[in-house]
Amino acid sequence: MASKPEKRVASSVFITLAPPRRDVAVAEEVR
């Protein structure tokens, strides 16, 4: 699904806006 570079940037922005606890959860899901 994340084949476009824009999607990756959006993920980074979302993680940055999201709280630190959610950042870890999102990072784990992305992995």
C-alpha atoms as a PDB file:
ATOM      1  CA  MET A   1       0.000   0.000   0.000  1.00  0.00           C
ATOM      2  CA  ALA A   2       2.833   2.394   0.879  1.00  0.00           C
ATOM      3  CA  SER A   3       4.449   2.288  -2.542  1.00  0.00           C
ATOM      4  CA  LYS A   4       4.557   6.065  -3.032  1.00  0.00           C
ATOM      5  CA  PRO A   5       7.130   8.199  -1.176  1.00  0.00           C
ATOM      6  CA  GLU A   6       4.365  10.634  -0.235  1.00  0.00           C
ATOM      7  CA  LYS A   7       2.747   7.930   1.886  1.00  0.00           C
ATOM      8  CA  ARG A   8       6.002   7.526   3.791  1.00  0.00           C
ATOM      9  CA  VAL A   9       6.193  11.276   4.428  1.00  0.00           C
ATOM     10  CA  ALA A  10       2.582  11.326   5.595  1.00  0.00           C
ATOM     11  CA  SER A  11       3.402   8.532   8.049  1.00  0.00           C
ATOM     12  CA  SER A  12       6.309  10.537   9.462  1.00  0.00           C
ATOM     13  CA  VAL A  13       4.100  13.602   9.843  1.00  0.00           C
ATOM     14  CA  PHE A  14       1.324  11.579  11.469  1.00  0.00           C
ATOM     15  CA  ILE A  15       3.789  10.037  13.911  1.00  0.00           C
ATOM     16  CA  THR A  16       5.193  13.463  14.712  1.00  0.00           C
ATOM     17  CA  LEU A  17       1.713  14.847  15.408  1.00  0.00           C
ATOM     18  CA  ALA A  18       0.658  11.779  17.358  1.00  0.00           C
ATOM     19  CA  PRO A  19       1.669  11.466  21.031  1.00  0.00           C
ATOM     20  CA  PRO A  20       4.912   9.651  21.965  1.00  0.00           C
ATOM     21  CA  ARG A  21       3.059   6.530  23.117  1.00  0.00           C
ATOM     22  CA  ARG A  22       1.206   6.286  19.798  1.00  0.00           C
ATOM     23  CA  ASP A  23       4.493   6.930  17.993  1.00  0.00           C
ATOM     24  CA  VAL A  24       5.853   3.666  19.380  1.00  0.00           C
ATOM     25  CA  ALA A  25       2.706   1.746  18.428  1.00  0.00           C
ATOM     26  CA  VAL A  26       2.749   3.160  14.901  1.00  0.00           C
ATOM     27  CA  ALA A  27       6.469   2.497  14.514  1.00  0.00           C
ATOM     28  CA  GLU A  28       5.903  -1.113  15.538  1.00  0.00           C
ATOM     29  CA  GLU A  29       3.017  -1.491  13.087  1.00  0.00           C
ATOM     30  CA  VAL A  30       5.047  -0.005  10.250  1.00  0.00           C
ATOM     31  CA  ARG A  31       7.819  -2.501  10.985  1.00  0.00           C
END
